[in-house]
Amino acid sequence: MIKEFVPYDCALALKELGFDEYSMGTFSKDTLVISIPVKRNSDFIGQSDLIVSPLYQQAFRWLFEKRGVRGCMMLEDPIDDVLRANIKLLKEKK
């Protein structure tokens, strides 16, 4: 199940880009904790060591729907690399 959540560096970058959707994955420092009830980044105001970790599907959907990033991937591309490339493109747009 842990492989379904984005890694810490991507979760942090998504937070910096404004990701504030509900997820059951949360990083406490660099350790992933899966919990119910689900949380958003805005639930952790004042707790900078806590970051929501979305599922890959959530991250890609958010990048597409909320930020207009339209990336593509080949089946042999590692999903982490594709997500990082999409985040990098979005940061470069700023």
PDB file of N, CA and C in Angstrom:
ATOM      1  N   MET A   1       0.826  -1.205   0.000  1.00  0.00           N
ATOM      2  CA  MET A   1       0.000   0.000   0.000  1.00  0.00           C
ATOM      3  C   MET A   1       0.863   1.258   0.000  1.00  0.00           C
ATOM      4  N   ILE A   2       1.987   1.227   0.682  1.00  0.00           N
ATOM      5  CA  ILE A   2       2.834   2.418   0.786  1.00  0.00           C
ATOM      6  C   ILE A   2       3.323   2.875  -0.587  1.00  0.00           C
ATOM      7  N   LYS A   3       3.507   1.949  -1.518  1.00  0.00           N
ATOM      8  CA  LYS A   3       3.974   2.297  -2.863  1.00  0.00           C
ATOM      9  C   LYS A   3       2.957   3.125  -3.637  1.00  0.00           C
ATOM     10  N   GLU A   4       1.727   3.203  -3.159  1.00  0.00           N
ATOM     11  CA  GLU A   4       0.682   3.967  -3.845  1.00  0.00           C
ATOM     12  C   GLU A   4       0.766   5.462  -3.545  1.00  0.00           C
ATOM     13  N   PHE A   5       1.542   5.846  -2.527  1.00  0.00           N
ATOM     14  CA  PHE A   5       1.658   7.241  -2.117  1.00  0.00           C
ATOM     15  C   PHE A   5       2.915   7.874  -2.711  1.00  0.00           C
ATOM     16  N   VAL A   6       2.828   9.163  -3.014  1.00  0.00           N
ATOM     17  CA  VAL A   6       3.989   9.859  -3.581  1.00  0.00           C
ATOM     18  C   VAL A   6       5.099   9.927  -2.530  1.00  0.00           C
ATOM     19  N   PRO A   7       6.364   9.965  -2.946  1.00  0.00           N
ATOM     20  CA  PRO A   7       7.458  10.057  -1.993  1.00  0.00           C
ATOM     21  C   PRO A   7       7.511  11.429  -1.320  1.00  0.00           C
ATOM     22  N   TYR A   8       8.299  11.507  -0.262  1.00  0.00           N
ATOM     23  CA  TYR A   8       8.383  12.716   0.562  1.00  0.00           C
ATOM     24  C   TYR A   8       8.714  13.966  -0.260  1.00  0.00           C
ATOM     25  N   ASP A   9       9.725  13.891  -1.133  1.00  0.00           N
ATOM     26  CA  ASP A   9      10.135  15.088  -1.874  1.00  0.00           C
ATOM     27  C   ASP A   9       9.001  15.603  -2.771  1.00  0.00           C
ATOM     28  N   CYS A  10       8.220  14.689  -3.338  1.00  0.00           N
ATOM     29  CA  CYS A  10       7.093  15.103  -4.181  1.00  0.00           C
ATOM     30  C   CYS A  10       5.961  15.678  -3.338  1.00  0.00           C
ATOM     31  N   ALA A  11       5.699  15.071  -2.182  1.00  0.00           N
ATOM     32  CA  ALA A  11       4.659  15.592  -1.289  1.00  0.00           C
ATOM     33  C   ALA A  11       5.002  17.012  -0.843  1.00  0.00           C
ATOM     34  N   LEU A  12       6.264  17.239  -0.514  1.00  0.00           N
ATOM     35  CA  LEU A  12       6.702  18.574  -0.099  1.00  0.00           C
ATOM     36  C   LEU A  12       6.558  19.576  -1.245  1.00  0.00           C
ATOM     37  N   ALA A  13       6.972  19.190  -2.433  1.00  0.00           N
ATOM     38  CA  ALA A  13       6.850  20.083  -3.598  1.00  0.00           C
ATOM     39  C   ALA A  13       5.390  20.383  -3.916  1.00  0.00           C
ATOM     40  N   LEU A  14       4.529  19.378  -3.824  1.00  0.00           N
ATOM     41  CA  LEU A  14       3.104  19.605  -4.066  1.00  0.00           C
ATOM     42  C   LEU A  14       2.517  20.566  -3.041  1.00  0.00           C
ATOM     43  N   LYS A  15       2.920  20.422  -1.790  1.00  0.00           N
ATOM     44  CA  LYS A  15       2.450  21.347  -0.746  1.00  0.00           C
ATOM     45  C   LYS A  15       2.864  22.774  -1.083  1.00  0.00           C
ATOM     46  N   GLU A  16       4.118  22.941  -1.505  1.00  0.00           N
ATOM     47  CA  GLU A  16       4.616  24.273  -1.863  1.00  0.00           C
ATOM     48  C   GLU A  16       3.851  24.857  -3.051  1.00  0.00           C
ATOM     49  N   LEU A  17       3.309  23.989  -3.909  1.00  0.00           N
ATOM     50  CA  LEU A  17       2.538  24.441  -5.069  1.00  0.00           C
ATOM     51  C   LEU A  17       1.064  24.666  -4.745  1.00  0.00           C
ATOM     52  N   GLY A  18       0.660  24.374  -3.509  1.00  0.00           N
ATOM     53  CA  GLY A  18      -0.710  24.644  -3.095  1.00  0.00           C
ATOM     54  C   GLY A  18      -1.602  23.432  -2.939  1.00  0.00           C
ATOM     55  N   PHE A  19      -1.047  22.223  -3.019  1.00  0.00           N
ATOM     56  CA  PHE A  19      -1.866  21.027  -2.855  1.00  0.00           C
ATOM     57  C   PHE A  19      -2.461  21.003  -1.450  1.00  0.00           C
ATOM     58  N   ASP A  20      -3.791  20.947  -1.364  1.00  0.00           N
ATOM     59  CA  ASP A  20      -4.475  20.927  -0.065  1.00  0.00           C
ATOM     60  C   ASP A  20      -5.724  20.056  -0.139  1.00  0.00           C
ATOM     61  N   GLU A  21      -5.560  18.871  -0.695  1.00  0.00           N
ATOM     62  CA  GLU A  21      -6.659  17.923  -0.816  1.00  0.00           C
ATOM     63  C   GLU A  21      -6.583  16.913   0.328  1.00  0.00           C
ATOM     64  N   TYR A  22      -7.706  16.267   0.605  1.00  0.00           N
ATOM     65  CA  TYR A  22      -7.723  15.238   1.643  1.00  0.00           C
ATOM     66  C   TYR A  22      -6.958  14.001   1.194  1.00  0.00           C
ATOM     67  N   SER A  23      -6.222  13.409   2.127  1.00  0.00           N
ATOM     68  CA  SER A  23      -5.499  12.171   1.871  1.00  0.00           C
ATOM     69  C   SER A  23      -5.351  11.404   3.173  1.00  0.00           C
ATOM     70  N   MET A  24      -5.233  10.098   3.076  1.00  0.00           N
ATOM     71  CA  MET A  24      -5.017   9.315   4.285  1.00  0.00           C
ATOM     72  C   MET A  24      -3.536   9.065   4.537  1.00  0.00           C
ATOM     73  N   GLY A  25      -2.677   9.583   3.680  1.00  0.00           N
ATOM     74  CA  GLY A  25      -1.233   9.475   3.879  1.00  0.00           C
ATOM     75  C   GLY A  25      -0.666  10.784   4.388  1.00  0.00           C
ATOM     76  N   THR A  26       0.152  10.699   5.429  1.00  0.00           N
ATOM     77  CA  THR A  26       0.798  11.883   5.997  1.00  0.00           C
ATOM     78  C   THR A  26       2.248  11.549   6.309  1.00  0.00           C
ATOM     79  N   PHE A  27       3.144  12.444   5.924  1.00  0.00           N
ATOM     80  CA  PHE A  27       4.543  12.290   6.325  1.00  0.00           C
ATOM     81  C   PHE A  27       4.771  13.045   7.620  1.00  0.00           C
ATOM     82  N   SER A  28       5.370  12.380   8.583  1.00  0.00           N
ATOM     83  CA  SER A  28       5.870  13.008   9.796  1.00  0.00           C
ATOM     84  C   SER A  28       7.375  12.948   9.662  1.00  0.00           C
ATOM     85  N   LYS A  29       7.970  14.084   9.366  1.00  0.00           N
ATOM     86  CA  LYS A  29       9.355  14.179   8.908  1.00  0.00           C
ATOM     87  C   LYS A  29       9.439  13.376   7.617  1.00  0.00           C
ATOM     88  N   ASP A  30      10.170  12.272   7.558  1.00  0.00           N
ATOM     89  CA  ASP A  30      10.229  11.508   6.310  1.00  0.00           C
ATOM     90  C   ASP A  30       9.612  10.116   6.446  1.00  0.00           C
ATOM     91  N   THR A  31       8.778   9.920   7.464  1.00  0.00           N
ATOM     92  CA  THR A  31       8.102   8.639   7.685  1.00  0.00           C
ATOM     93  C   THR A  31       6.635   8.748   7.294  1.00  0.00           C
ATOM     94  N   LEU A  32       6.188   7.849   6.416  1.00  0.00           N
ATOM     95  CA  LEU A  32       4.800   7.858   5.968  1.00  0.00           C
ATOM     96  C   LEU A  32       3.917   7.163   6.991  1.00  0.00           C
ATOM     97  N   VAL A  33       2.833   7.840   7.371  1.00  0.00           N
ATOM     98  CA  VAL A  33       1.839   7.292   8.281  1.00  0.00           C
ATOM     99  C   VAL A  33       0.511   7.274   7.532  1.00  0.00           C
ATOM    100  N   ILE A  34      -0.154   6.125   7.523  1.00  0.00           N
ATOM    101  CA  ILE A  34      -1.468   6.011   6.883  1.00  0.00           C
ATOM    102  C   ILE A  34      -2.509   6.003   7.986  1.00  0.00           C
ATOM    103  N   SER A  35      -3.466   6.919   7.885  1.00  0.00           N
ATOM    104  CA  SER A  35      -4.435   7.034   8.974  1.00  0.00           C
ATOM    105  C   SER A  35      -5.809   7.458   8.465  1.00  0.00           C
ATOM    106  N   ILE A  36      -6.793   7.170   9.257  1.00  0.00           N
ATOM    107  CA  ILE A  36      -8.160   7.631   9.062  1.00  0.00           C
ATOM    108  C   ILE A  36      -8.499   8.319  10.377  1.00  0.00           C
ATOM    109  N   PRO A  37      -9.001   9.488  10.440  1.00  0.00           N
ATOM    110  CA  PRO A  37      -9.600  10.237   9.341  1.00  0.00           C
ATOM    111  C   PRO A  37      -8.538  10.859   8.428  1.00  0.00           C
ATOM    112  N   VAL A  38      -8.992  11.188   7.240  1.00  0.00           N
ATOM    113  CA  VAL A  38      -8.105  11.808   6.264  1.00  0.00           C
ATOM    114  C   VAL A  38      -7.829  13.254   6.655  1.00  0.00           C
ATOM    115  N   LYS A  39      -6.704  13.783   6.180  1.00  0.00           N
ATOM    116  CA  LYS A  39      -6.277  15.143   6.520  1.00  0.00           C
ATOM    117  C   LYS A  39      -5.905  15.907   5.256  1.00  0.00           C
ATOM    118  N   ARG A  40      -5.824  17.241   5.405  1.00  0.00           N
ATOM    119  CA  ARG A  40      -5.327  18.131   4.357  1.00  0.00           C
ATOM    120  C   ARG A  40      -4.128  18.870   4.925  1.00  0.00           C
ATOM    121  N   ASN A  41      -3.310  19.472   4.055  1.00  0.00           N
ATOM    122  CA  ASN A  41      -2.165  20.247   4.536  1.00  0.00           C
ATOM    123  C   ASN A  41      -2.607  21.387   5.441  1.00  0.00           C
ATOM    124  N   SER A  42      -3.757  21.994   5.153  1.00  0.00           N
ATOM    125  CA  SER A  42      -4.219  23.119   5.972  1.00  0.00           C
ATOM    126  C   SER A  42      -4.620  22.672   7.377  1.00  0.00           C
ATOM    127  N   ASP A  43      -4.795  21.375   7.595  1.00  0.00           N
ATOM    128  CA  ASP A  43      -5.071  20.866   8.940  1.00  0.00           C
ATOM    129  C   ASP A  43      -3.827  20.907   9.828  1.00  0.00           C
ATOM    130  N   PHE A  44      -2.665  21.098   9.220  1.00  0.00           N
ATOM    131  CA  PHE A  44      -1.403  21.046   9.954  1.00  0.00           C
ATOM    132  C   PHE A  44      -0.727  22.410  10.086  1.00  0.00           C
ATOM    133  N   ILE A  45      -1.486  23.472  10.094  1.00  0.00           N
ATOM    134  CA  ILE A  45      -0.909  24.811  10.232  1.00  0.00           C
ATOM    135  C   ILE A  45      -0.167  24.875  11.565  1.00  0.00           C
ATOM    136  N   GLY A  46       1.073  25.334  11.513  1.00  0.00           N
ATOM    137  CA  GLY A  46       1.902  25.412  12.709  1.00  0.00           C
ATOM    138  C   GLY A  46       2.650  24.121  13.011  1.00  0.00           C
ATOM    139  N   GLN A  47       2.461  23.113  12.190  1.00  0.00           N
ATOM    140  CA  GLN A  47       3.153  21.837  12.368  1.00  0.00           C
ATOM    141  C   GLN A  47       3.922  21.531  11.080  1.00  0.00           C
ATOM    142  N   SER A  48       5.013  22.220  10.878  1.00  0.00           N
ATOM    143  CA  SER A  48       5.725  22.154   9.605  1.00  0.00           C
ATOM    144  C   SER A  48       6.323  20.779   9.307  1.00  0.00           C
ATOM    145  N   ASP A  49       6.416  19.908  10.302  1.00  0.00           N
ATOM    146  CA  ASP A  49       6.983  18.587  10.054  1.00  0.00           C
ATOM    147  C   ASP A  49       5.942  17.593   9.529  1.00  0.00           C
ATOM    148  N   LEU A  50       4.677  18.014   9.400  1.00  0.00           N
ATOM    149  CA  LEU A  50       3.618  17.140   8.891  1.00  0.00           C
ATOM    150  C   LEU A  50       3.189  17.589   7.496  1.00  0.00           C
ATOM    151  N   ILE A  51       3.193  16.651   6.549  1.00  0.00           N
ATOM    152  CA  ILE A  51       2.864  16.951   5.156  1.00  0.00           C
ATOM    153  C   ILE A  51       1.967  15.838   4.629  1.00  0.00           C
ATOM    154  N   VAL A  52       0.880  16.204   3.979  1.00  0.00           N
ATOM    155  CA  VAL A  52      -0.004  15.220   3.368  1.00  0.00           C
ATOM    156  C   VAL A  52       0.705  14.578   2.179  1.00  0.00           C
ATOM    157  N   SER A  53       0.578  13.265   2.080  1.00  0.00           N
ATOM    158  CA  SER A  53       1.114  12.527   0.933  1.00  0.00           C
ATOM    159  C   SER A  53      -0.047  11.930   0.155  1.00  0.00           C
ATOM    160  N   PRO A  54      -0.355  12.491  -1.008  1.00  0.00           N
ATOM    161  CA  PRO A  54      -1.467  11.947  -1.793  1.00  0.00           C
ATOM    162  C   PRO A  54      -1.081  10.650  -2.496  1.00  0.00           C
ATOM    163  N   LEU A  55      -2.088   9.939  -2.950  1.00  0.00           N
ATOM    164  CA  LEU A  55      -1.863   8.831  -3.861  1.00  0.00           C
ATOM    165  C   LEU A  55      -1.372   9.417  -5.187  1.00  0.00           C
ATOM    166  N   TYR A  56      -0.669   8.619  -5.975  1.00  0.00           N
ATOM    167  CA  TYR A  56      -0.212   9.105  -7.275  1.00  0.00           C
ATOM    168  C   TYR A  56      -1.382   9.615  -8.115  1.00  0.00           C
ATOM    169  N   GLN A  57      -2.516   8.884  -8.090  1.00  0.00           N
ATOM    170  CA  GLN A  57      -3.677   9.294  -8.876  1.00  0.00           C
ATOM    171  C   GLN A  57      -4.150  10.676  -8.457  1.00  0.00           C
ATOM    172  N   GLN A  58      -4.175  10.944  -7.147  1.00  0.00           N
ATOM    173  CA  GLN A  58      -4.593  12.257  -6.651  1.00  0.00           C
ATOM    174  C   GLN A  58      -3.643  13.339  -7.133  1.00  0.00           C
ATOM    175  N   ALA A  59      -2.353  13.069  -7.053  1.00  0.00           N
ATOM    176  CA  ALA A  59      -1.356  14.062  -7.441  1.00  0.00           C
ATOM    177  C   ALA A  59      -1.476  14.415  -8.919  1.00  0.00           C
ATOM    178  N   PHE A  60      -1.552  13.398  -9.777  1.00  0.00           N
ATOM    179  CA  PHE A  60      -1.667  13.669 -11.207  1.00  0.00           C
ATOM    180  C   PHE A  60      -2.990  14.349 -11.548  1.00  0.00           C
ATOM    181  N   ARG A  61      -4.075  13.924 -10.917  1.00  0.00           N
ATOM    182  CA  ARG A  61      -5.374  14.564 -11.166  1.00  0.00           C
ATOM    183  C   ARG A  61      -5.321  16.025 -10.751  1.00  0.00           C
ATOM    184  N   TRP A  62      -4.750  16.326  -9.589  1.00  0.00           N
ATOM    185  CA  TRP A  62      -4.647  17.704  -9.095  1.00  0.00           C
ATOM    186  C   TRP A  62      -3.789  18.541 -10.037  1.00  0.00           C
ATOM    187  N   LEU A  63      -2.646  17.999 -10.461  1.00  0.00           N
ATOM    188  CA  LEU A  63      -1.789  18.740 -11.394  1.00  0.00           C
ATOM    189  C   LEU A  63      -2.539  19.056 -12.687  1.00  0.00           C
ATOM    190  N   PHE A  64      -3.340  18.125 -13.159  1.00  0.00           N
ATOM    191  CA  PHE A  64      -4.094  18.313 -14.394  1.00  0.00           C
ATOM    192  C   PHE A  64      -5.271  19.267 -14.200  1.00  0.00           C
ATOM    193  N   GLU A  65      -6.120  19.000 -13.199  1.00  0.00           N
ATOM    194  CA  GLU A  65      -7.354  19.773 -13.027  1.00  0.00           C
ATOM    195  C   GLU A  65      -7.129  21.152 -12.425  1.00  0.00           C
ATOM    196  N   LYS A  66      -6.278  21.255 -11.442  1.00  0.00           N
ATOM    197  CA  LYS A  66      -6.116  22.525 -10.722  1.00  0.00           C
ATOM    198  C   LYS A  66      -5.006  23.398 -11.278  1.00  0.00           C
ATOM    199  N   ARG A  67      -3.988  22.766 -11.880  1.00  0.00           N
ATOM    200  CA  ARG A  67      -2.833  23.550 -12.322  1.00  0.00           C
ATOM    201  C   ARG A  67      -2.599  23.491 -13.823  1.00  0.00           C
ATOM    202  N   GLY A  68      -3.386  22.703 -14.542  1.00  0.00           N
ATOM    203  CA  GLY A  68      -3.291  22.681 -15.995  1.00  0.00           C
ATOM    204  C   GLY A  68      -2.089  21.956 -16.566  1.00  0.00           C
ATOM    205  N   VAL A  69      -1.407  21.155 -15.767  1.00  0.00           N
ATOM    206  CA  VAL A  69      -0.244  20.415 -16.265  1.00  0.00           C
ATOM    207  C   VAL A  69      -0.735  19.168 -16.975  1.00  0.00           C
ATOM    208  N   ARG A  70      -0.320  19.032 -18.208  1.00  0.00           N
ATOM    209  CA  ARG A  70      -0.711  17.869 -19.003  1.00  0.00           C
ATOM    210  C   ARG A  70       0.557  17.134 -19.412  1.00  0.00           C
ATOM    211  N   GLY A  71       0.904  16.137 -18.650  1.00  0.00           N
ATOM    212  CA  GLY A  71       2.107  15.364 -18.943  1.00  0.00           C
ATOM    213  C   GLY A  71       1.742  14.029 -19.549  1.00  0.00           C
ATOM    214  N   CYS A  72       2.731  13.385 -20.054  1.00  0.00           N
ATOM    215  CA  CYS A  72       2.514  12.041 -20.562  1.00  0.00           C
ATOM    216  C   CYS A  72       3.642  11.169 -20.059  1.00  0.00           C
ATOM    217  N   MET A  73       3.423   9.881 -20.128  1.00  0.00           N
ATOM    218  CA  MET A  73       4.472   8.974 -19.696  1.00  0.00           C
ATOM    219  C   MET A  73       4.441   7.729 -20.568  1.00  0.00           C
ATOM    220  N   MET A  74       5.580   7.116 -20.662  1.00  0.00           N
ATOM    221  CA  MET A  74       5.689   5.843 -21.359  1.00  0.00           C
ATOM    222  C   MET A  74       5.627   4.747 -20.297  1.00  0.00           C
ATOM    223  N   LEU A  75       5.202   3.590 -20.672  1.00  0.00           N
ATOM    224  CA  LEU A  75       5.058   2.510 -19.707  1.00  0.00           C
ATOM    225  C   LEU A  75       6.366   2.172 -18.994  1.00  0.00           C
ATOM    226  N   GLU A  76       7.488   2.402 -19.645  1.00  0.00           N
ATOM    227  CA  GLU A  76       8.764   2.073 -19.012  1.00  0.00           C
ATOM    228  C   GLU A  76       9.297   3.197 -18.114  1.00  0.00           C
ATOM    229  N   ASP A  77       8.647   4.364 -18.121  1.00  0.00           N
ATOM    230  CA  ASP A  77       9.085   5.476 -17.272  1.00  0.00           C
ATOM    231  C   ASP A  77       8.719   5.214 -15.817  1.00  0.00           C
ATOM    232  N   PRO A  78       9.678   5.367 -14.887  1.00  0.00           N
ATOM    233  CA  PRO A  78       9.323   5.251 -13.464  1.00  0.00           C
ATOM    234  C   PRO A  78       8.347   6.371 -13.087  1.00  0.00           C
ATOM    235  N   ILE A  79       7.291   6.023 -12.383  1.00  0.00           N
ATOM    236  CA  ILE A  79       6.239   6.991 -12.062  1.00  0.00           C
ATOM    237  C   ILE A  79       6.765   8.158 -11.228  1.00  0.00           C
ATOM    238  N   ASP A  80       7.740   7.902 -10.340  1.00  0.00           N
ATOM    239  CA  ASP A  80       8.314   8.992  -9.547  1.00  0.00           C
ATOM    240  C   ASP A  80       8.966  10.032 -10.449  1.00  0.00           C
ATOM    241  N   ASP A  81       9.681   9.567 -11.476  1.00  0.00           N
ATOM    242  CA  ASP A  81      10.345  10.496 -12.396  1.00  0.00           C
ATOM    243  C   ASP A  81       9.330  11.334 -13.171  1.00  0.00           C
ATOM    244  N   VAL A  82       8.236  10.720 -13.577  1.00  0.00           N
ATOM    245  CA  VAL A  82       7.194  11.435 -14.321  1.00  0.00           C
ATOM    246  C   VAL A  82       6.561  12.501 -13.433  1.00  0.00           C
ATOM    247  N   LEU A  83       6.254  12.147 -12.186  1.00  0.00           N
ATOM    248  CA  LEU A  83       5.664  13.117 -11.259  1.00  0.00           C
ATOM    249  C   LEU A  83       6.629  14.265 -10.994  1.00  0.00           C
ATOM    250  N   ARG A  84       7.893  13.957 -10.745  1.00  0.00           N
ATOM    251  CA  ARG A  84       8.891  15.013 -10.506  1.00  0.00           C
ATOM    252  C   ARG A  84       9.034  15.923 -11.726  1.00  0.00           C
ATOM    253  N   ALA A  85       8.999  15.356 -12.916  1.00  0.00           N
ATOM    254  CA  ALA A  85       9.103  16.168 -14.140  1.00  0.00           C
ATOM    255  C   ALA A  85       7.907  17.104 -14.277  1.00  0.00           C
ATOM    256  N   ASN A  86       6.710  16.617 -13.954  1.00  0.00           N
ATOM    257  CA  ASN A  86       5.522  17.470 -14.024  1.00  0.00           C
ATOM    258  C   ASN A  86       5.580  18.582 -12.990  1.00  0.00           C
ATOM    259  N   ILE A  87       6.029  18.276 -11.795  1.00  0.00           N
ATOM    260  CA  ILE A  87       6.173  19.298 -10.753  1.00  0.00           C
ATOM    261  C   ILE A  87       7.205  20.337 -11.176  1.00  0.00           C
ATOM    262  N   LYS A  88       8.317  19.877 -11.751  1.00  0.00           N
ATOM    263  CA  LYS A  88       9.361  20.795 -12.211  1.00  0.00           C
ATOM    264  C   LYS A  88       8.824  21.740 -13.287  1.00  0.00           C
ATOM    265  N   LEU A  89       8.049  21.204 -14.229  1.00  0.00           N
ATOM    266  CA  LEU A  89       7.451  22.041 -15.267  1.00  0.00           C
ATOM    267  C   LEU A  89       6.560  23.119 -14.667  1.00  0.00           C
ATOM    268  N   LEU A  90       5.780  22.743 -13.673  1.00  0.00           N
ATOM    269  CA  LEU A  90       4.874  23.696 -13.039  1.00  0.00           C
ATOM    270  C   LEU A  90       5.652  24.777 -12.295  1.00  0.00           C
ATOM    271  N   LYS A  91       6.716  24.386 -11.602  1.00  0.00           N
ATOM    272  CA  LYS A  91       7.529  25.375 -10.892  1.00  0.00           C
ATOM    273  C   LYS A  91       8.198  26.344 -11.858  1.00  0.00           C
ATOM    274  N   GLU A  92       8.599  25.848 -13.007  1.00  0.00           N
ATOM    275  CA  GLU A  92       9.251  26.698 -14.012  1.00  0.00           C
ATOM    276  C   GLU A  92       8.282  27.687 -14.629  1.00  0.00           C
ATOM    277  N   LYS A  93       6.983  27.376 -14.616  1.00  0.00           N
ATOM    278  CA  LYS A  93       5.961  28.283 -15.157  1.00  0.00           C
ATOM    279  C   LYS A  93       5.811  29.540 -14.302  1.00  0.00           C
ATOM    280  N   LYS A  94       6.127  29.449 -13.013  1.00  0.00           N
ATOM    281  CA  LYS A  94       5.932  30.582 -12.103  1.00  0.00           C
ATOM    282  C   LYS A  94       6.757  31.769 -12.489  1.00  0.00           C
TER     283      LYS A  94
END
